[in-house]
Amino acid sequence: MSSRREKIEAMLADEPDDTFLRYSLAMELDKEGEHDRSLEELTGLTKDTPPYVPAFFMSGQQLARLDRVNEARAILRDGIEEARQQNDAHAAGEMSEFLASLGDLGE
């Protein structure tokens, strides 16, 4: 029986530009502890046209869990800006709340 990740990778082979599949792969990689690969996938999604807003939030959460808080703050700030540009007030609000929960070290 194939793992969930293997199934996603097989589907991506047929549809390499599928945003949801790429996002799903990043989430599976995170679950498996392959954080660098997961963050690479998420970063790619943030650089798409248009950028995929949920990827900013997931990157920020993952980076915070890895004690890479400064990086988390930076990606969240970028995500908030992108969410506002895409008129996604809900995502901007969620990321703003999470950013506030990380505290501000005067950056």
N, C-alpha and C. Protein backbone atom coordinates (compact mmCIF):
# COMPACT_ATOMS: atom_id res chain seq x y z
N MET A 1 0.84 -1.19 0.00
CA MET A 1 0.00 0.00 0.00
C MET A 1 0.88 1.25 0.00
N SER A 2 0.61 2.16 -0.88
CA SER A 2 1.37 3.39 -0.97
C SER A 2 1.03 4.32 0.19
N SER A 3 2.03 5.09 0.59
CA SER A 3 1.79 6.08 1.63
C SER A 3 1.06 7.28 1.02
N ARG A 4 0.51 8.10 1.86
CA ARG A 4 -0.17 9.31 1.40
C ARG A 4 0.80 10.16 0.58
N ARG A 5 2.02 10.30 1.07
CA ARG A 5 3.02 11.09 0.36
C ARG A 5 3.30 10.51 -1.02
N GLU A 6 3.44 9.20 -1.11
CA GLU A 6 3.70 8.57 -2.41
C GLU A 6 2.55 8.80 -3.38
N LYS A 7 1.33 8.77 -2.87
CA LYS A 7 0.16 9.02 -3.72
C LYS A 7 0.18 10.45 -4.23
N ILE A 8 0.49 11.39 -3.35
CA ILE A 8 0.56 12.80 -3.75
C ILE A 8 1.66 13.00 -4.79
N GLU A 9 2.82 12.39 -4.54
CA GLU A 9 3.94 12.52 -5.49
C GLU A 9 3.58 11.93 -6.85
N ALA A 10 2.83 10.84 -6.86
CA ALA A 10 2.40 10.23 -8.13
C ALA A 10 1.45 11.16 -8.88
N MET A 11 0.54 11.78 -8.15
CA MET A 11 -0.39 12.72 -8.79
C MET A 11 0.36 13.95 -9.29
N LEU A 12 1.36 14.39 -8.54
CA LEU A 12 2.15 15.55 -8.95
C LEU A 12 2.95 15.26 -10.22
N ALA A 13 3.33 14.02 -10.41
CA ALA A 13 4.06 13.66 -11.63
C ALA A 13 3.20 13.96 -12.86
N ASP A 14 1.88 13.78 -12.71
CA ASP A 14 0.96 14.06 -13.81
C ASP A 14 0.55 15.53 -13.87
N GLU A 15 0.53 16.18 -12.72
CA GLU A 15 0.09 17.58 -12.65
C GLU A 15 1.06 18.38 -11.78
N PRO A 16 2.29 18.63 -12.26
CA PRO A 16 3.32 19.27 -11.44
C PRO A 16 3.00 20.69 -11.00
N ASP A 17 2.07 21.35 -11.65
CA ASP A 17 1.73 22.73 -11.29
C ASP A 17 0.49 22.84 -10.41
N ASP A 18 -0.04 21.70 -9.98
CA ASP A 18 -1.25 21.72 -9.15
C ASP A 18 -0.91 22.27 -7.76
N THR A 19 -1.42 23.44 -7.48
CA THR A 19 -1.12 24.14 -6.23
C THR A 19 -1.51 23.32 -5.01
N PHE A 20 -2.72 22.75 -5.03
CA PHE A 20 -3.17 22.01 -3.86
C PHE A 20 -2.32 20.77 -3.62
N LEU A 21 -1.94 20.08 -4.68
CA LEU A 21 -1.07 18.90 -4.52
C LEU A 21 0.30 19.29 -3.97
N ARG A 22 0.83 20.39 -4.45
CA ARG A 22 2.14 20.86 -3.96
C ARG A 22 2.04 21.23 -2.47
N TYR A 23 0.95 21.88 -2.11
CA TYR A 23 0.72 22.25 -0.71
C TYR A 23 0.55 20.99 0.15
N SER A 24 -0.20 20.03 -0.36
CA SER A 24 -0.40 18.77 0.35
C SER A 24 0.91 18.03 0.57
N LEU A 25 1.77 18.04 -0.44
CA LEU A 25 3.08 17.40 -0.30
C LEU A 25 3.89 18.09 0.79
N ALA A 26 3.86 19.41 0.81
CA ALA A 26 4.59 20.15 1.85
C ALA A 26 4.10 19.77 3.25
N MET A 27 2.78 19.60 3.40
CA MET A 27 2.22 19.23 4.70
C MET A 27 2.65 17.82 5.10
N GLU A 28 2.67 16.90 4.13
CA GLU A 28 3.11 15.53 4.41
C GLU A 28 4.59 15.51 4.80
N LEU A 29 5.40 16.27 4.08
CA LEU A 29 6.83 16.34 4.41
C LEU A 29 7.04 16.88 5.82
N ASP A 30 6.26 17.87 6.20
CA ASP A 30 6.35 18.41 7.56
C ASP A 30 6.01 17.33 8.59
N LYS A 31 4.92 16.59 8.33
CA LYS A 31 4.52 15.52 9.26
C LYS A 31 5.62 14.48 9.42
N GLU A 32 6.34 14.22 8.31
CA GLU A 32 7.40 13.21 8.32
C GLU A 32 8.73 13.75 8.87
N GLY A 33 8.74 15.01 9.25
CA GLY A 33 9.96 15.60 9.81
C GLY A 33 10.96 16.07 8.77
N GLU A 34 10.55 16.09 7.52
CA GLU A 34 11.43 16.57 6.45
C GLU A 34 11.19 18.07 6.24
N HIS A 35 11.60 18.83 7.26
CA HIS A 35 11.26 20.24 7.32
C HIS A 35 11.90 21.06 6.20
N ASP A 36 13.14 20.79 5.87
CA ASP A 36 13.78 21.57 4.80
C ASP A 36 13.05 21.39 3.48
N ARG A 37 12.70 20.16 3.15
CA ARG A 37 11.96 19.91 1.89
C ARG A 37 10.57 20.53 1.95
N SER A 38 9.93 20.42 3.11
CA SER A 38 8.61 21.01 3.27
C SER A 38 8.67 22.52 3.06
N LEU A 39 9.63 23.16 3.70
CA LEU A 39 9.77 24.61 3.57
C LEU A 39 10.13 25.01 2.14
N GLU A 40 10.90 24.19 1.45
CA GLU A 40 11.21 24.45 0.04
C GLU A 40 9.93 24.46 -0.79
N GLU A 41 9.08 23.46 -0.57
CA GLU A 41 7.81 23.40 -1.30
C GLU A 41 6.95 24.62 -1.00
N LEU A 42 6.86 24.97 0.27
CA LEU A 42 6.06 26.12 0.65
C LEU A 42 6.62 27.41 0.06
N THR A 43 7.93 27.54 0.07
CA THR A 43 8.56 28.74 -0.51
C THR A 43 8.22 28.85 -1.99
N GLY A 44 8.26 27.73 -2.68
CA GLY A 44 7.88 27.75 -4.09
C GLY A 44 6.47 28.26 -4.29
N LEU A 45 5.57 27.86 -3.42
CA LEU A 45 4.17 28.30 -3.52
C LEU A 45 4.03 29.80 -3.23
N THR A 46 4.90 30.33 -2.36
CA THR A 46 4.82 31.77 -2.06
C THR A 46 5.36 32.60 -3.21
N LYS A 47 6.10 31.97 -4.13
CA LYS A 47 6.67 32.68 -5.27
C LYS A 47 5.87 32.50 -6.56
N ASP A 48 4.79 31.71 -6.47
CA ASP A 48 3.92 31.54 -7.63
C ASP A 48 3.23 32.85 -7.99
N THR A 49 2.62 32.88 -9.15
CA THR A 49 1.82 34.03 -9.56
C THR A 49 0.39 33.57 -9.76
N PRO A 50 -0.54 33.97 -8.90
CA PRO A 50 -0.30 34.73 -7.68
C PRO A 50 0.25 33.82 -6.58
N PRO A 51 0.91 34.43 -5.59
CA PRO A 51 1.40 33.62 -4.47
C PRO A 51 0.24 32.93 -3.75
N TYR A 52 0.52 31.73 -3.24
CA TYR A 52 -0.51 30.95 -2.52
C TYR A 52 -0.47 31.35 -1.05
N VAL A 53 -1.44 32.15 -0.63
CA VAL A 53 -1.44 32.75 0.70
C VAL A 53 -1.31 31.73 1.85
N PRO A 54 -2.02 30.59 1.83
CA PRO A 54 -1.87 29.65 2.95
C PRO A 54 -0.42 29.16 3.16
N ALA A 55 0.38 29.17 2.10
CA ALA A 55 1.77 28.72 2.24
C ALA A 55 2.58 29.63 3.14
N PHE A 56 2.25 30.91 3.16
CA PHE A 56 2.95 31.84 4.05
C PHE A 56 2.66 31.47 5.51
N PHE A 57 1.38 31.23 5.80
CA PHE A 57 0.97 30.92 7.17
C PHE A 57 1.59 29.60 7.64
N MET A 58 1.53 28.58 6.79
CA MET A 58 2.10 27.29 7.17
C MET A 58 3.61 27.38 7.33
N SER A 59 4.27 28.14 6.48
CA SER A 59 5.72 28.35 6.63
C SER A 59 6.01 29.00 7.97
N GLY A 60 5.25 30.03 8.29
CA GLY A 60 5.46 30.73 9.56
C GLY A 60 5.26 29.82 10.76
N GLN A 61 4.21 29.01 10.71
CA GLN A 61 3.96 28.09 11.82
C GLN A 61 5.08 27.05 11.94
N GLN A 62 5.50 26.51 10.82
CA GLN A 62 6.55 25.50 10.84
C GLN A 62 7.87 26.09 11.34
N LEU A 63 8.22 27.26 10.85
CA LEU A 63 9.45 27.90 11.29
C LEU A 63 9.41 28.20 12.79
N ALA A 64 8.27 28.63 13.29
CA ALA A 64 8.14 28.90 14.73
C ALA A 64 8.33 27.62 15.53
N ARG A 65 7.76 26.51 15.06
CA ARG A 65 7.93 25.22 15.76
C ARG A 65 9.39 24.80 15.78
N LEU A 66 10.14 25.21 14.76
CA LEU A 66 11.55 24.84 14.66
C LEU A 66 12.45 25.86 15.36
N ASP A 67 11.85 26.76 16.13
CA ASP A 67 12.57 27.82 16.85
C ASP A 67 13.32 28.75 15.91
N ARG A 68 12.79 28.93 14.72
CA ARG A 68 13.35 29.87 13.74
C ARG A 68 12.39 31.06 13.68
N VAL A 69 12.25 31.70 14.84
CA VAL A 69 11.20 32.71 15.03
C VAL A 69 11.42 33.95 14.16
N ASN A 70 12.65 34.39 14.01
CA ASN A 70 12.88 35.57 13.17
C ASN A 70 12.45 35.30 11.73
N GLU A 71 12.77 34.11 11.23
CA GLU A 71 12.35 33.74 9.88
C GLU A 71 10.82 33.64 9.80
N ALA A 72 10.22 33.11 10.86
CA ALA A 72 8.76 33.00 10.90
C ALA A 72 8.12 34.39 10.83
N ARG A 73 8.66 35.32 11.60
CA ARG A 73 8.12 36.68 11.58
C ARG A 73 8.20 37.28 10.17
N ALA A 74 9.34 37.09 9.52
CA ALA A 74 9.54 37.67 8.18
C ALA A 74 8.55 37.10 7.18
N ILE A 75 8.37 35.79 7.17
CA ILE A 75 7.45 35.19 6.19
C ILE A 75 6.01 35.56 6.51
N LEU A 76 5.68 35.69 7.78
CA LEU A 76 4.33 36.10 8.15
C LEU A 76 4.06 37.53 7.70
N ARG A 77 5.03 38.41 7.87
CA ARG A 77 4.84 39.80 7.41
C ARG A 77 4.61 39.83 5.90
N ASP A 78 5.41 39.04 5.17
CA ASP A 78 5.21 38.96 3.71
C ASP A 78 3.83 38.41 3.39
N GLY A 79 3.41 37.40 4.14
CA GLY A 79 2.11 36.77 3.91
C GLY A 79 0.96 37.71 4.19
N ILE A 80 1.08 38.50 5.24
CA ILE A 80 0.03 39.47 5.58
C ILE A 80 -0.11 40.48 4.44
N GLU A 81 1.01 40.96 3.94
CA GLU A 81 0.99 41.91 2.83
C GLU A 81 0.34 41.28 1.59
N GLU A 82 0.74 40.05 1.28
CA GLU A 82 0.18 39.36 0.10
C GLU A 82 -1.31 39.11 0.28
N ALA A 83 -1.71 38.68 1.48
CA ALA A 83 -3.14 38.43 1.74
C ALA A 83 -3.94 39.72 1.53
N ARG A 84 -3.41 40.83 2.00
CA ARG A 84 -4.12 42.11 1.81
C ARG A 84 -4.22 42.45 0.33
N GLN A 85 -3.13 42.22 -0.42
CA GLN A 85 -3.16 42.49 -1.86
C GLN A 85 -4.21 41.63 -2.57
N GLN A 86 -4.41 40.42 -2.05
CA GLN A 86 -5.40 39.52 -2.65
C GLN A 86 -6.78 39.66 -2.01
N ASN A 87 -6.94 40.70 -1.19
CA ASN A 87 -8.22 40.96 -0.50
C ASN A 87 -8.69 39.79 0.35
N ASP A 88 -7.73 39.12 1.00
CA ASP A 88 -8.05 37.99 1.89
C ASP A 88 -7.86 38.45 3.34
N ALA A 89 -8.85 39.20 3.82
CA ALA A 89 -8.76 39.76 5.17
C ALA A 89 -8.70 38.68 6.24
N HIS A 90 -9.38 37.57 6.00
CA HIS A 90 -9.37 36.48 6.99
C HIS A 90 -7.96 35.93 7.18
N ALA A 91 -7.28 35.62 6.09
CA ALA A 91 -5.90 35.11 6.19
C ALA A 91 -4.97 36.15 6.78
N ALA A 92 -5.13 37.40 6.37
CA ALA A 92 -4.28 38.46 6.93
C ALA A 92 -4.48 38.56 8.43
N GLY A 93 -5.73 38.44 8.87
CA GLY A 93 -6.02 38.49 10.31
C GLY A 93 -5.42 37.32 11.07
N GLU A 94 -5.55 36.11 10.52
CA GLU A 94 -4.98 34.93 11.18
C GLU A 94 -3.47 35.05 11.31
N MET A 95 -2.83 35.49 10.23
CA MET A 95 -1.37 35.62 10.27
C MET A 95 -0.95 36.74 11.21
N SER A 96 -1.72 37.81 11.26
CA SER A 96 -1.41 38.92 12.18
C SER A 96 -1.50 38.46 13.63
N GLU A 97 -2.53 37.68 13.93
CA GLU A 97 -2.67 37.15 15.30
C GLU A 97 -1.51 36.23 15.65
N PHE A 98 -1.13 35.36 14.72
CA PHE A 98 -0.03 34.45 14.99
C PHE A 98 1.27 35.23 15.15
N LEU A 99 1.48 36.22 14.30
CA LEU A 99 2.68 37.06 14.40
C LEU A 99 2.73 37.73 15.76
N ALA A 100 1.61 38.27 16.22
CA ALA A 100 1.55 38.92 17.53
C ALA A 100 1.87 37.93 18.65
N SER A 101 1.44 36.67 18.48
CA SER A 101 1.71 35.67 19.51
C SER A 101 3.18 35.32 19.63
N LEU A 102 3.94 35.60 18.56
CA LEU A 102 5.38 35.34 18.59
C LEU A 102 6.15 36.43 19.31
N GLY A 103 5.46 37.55 19.58
CA GLY A 103 6.12 38.66 20.24
C GLY A 103 6.94 39.45 19.25
N ASP A 104 7.34 40.61 19.68
CA ASP A 104 8.12 41.48 18.82
C ASP A 104 9.42 41.82 19.53
N LEU A 105 10.51 41.55 18.90
CA LEU A 105 11.81 41.83 19.48
C LEU A 105 12.42 43.10 18.88
N GLY A 106 11.55 44.00 18.48
CA GLY A 106 12.02 45.26 17.96
C GLY A 106 12.59 45.19 16.56
N GLU A 107 12.21 44.17 15.81
CA GLU A 107 12.73 44.04 14.44
C GLU A 107 12.06 45.05 13.54
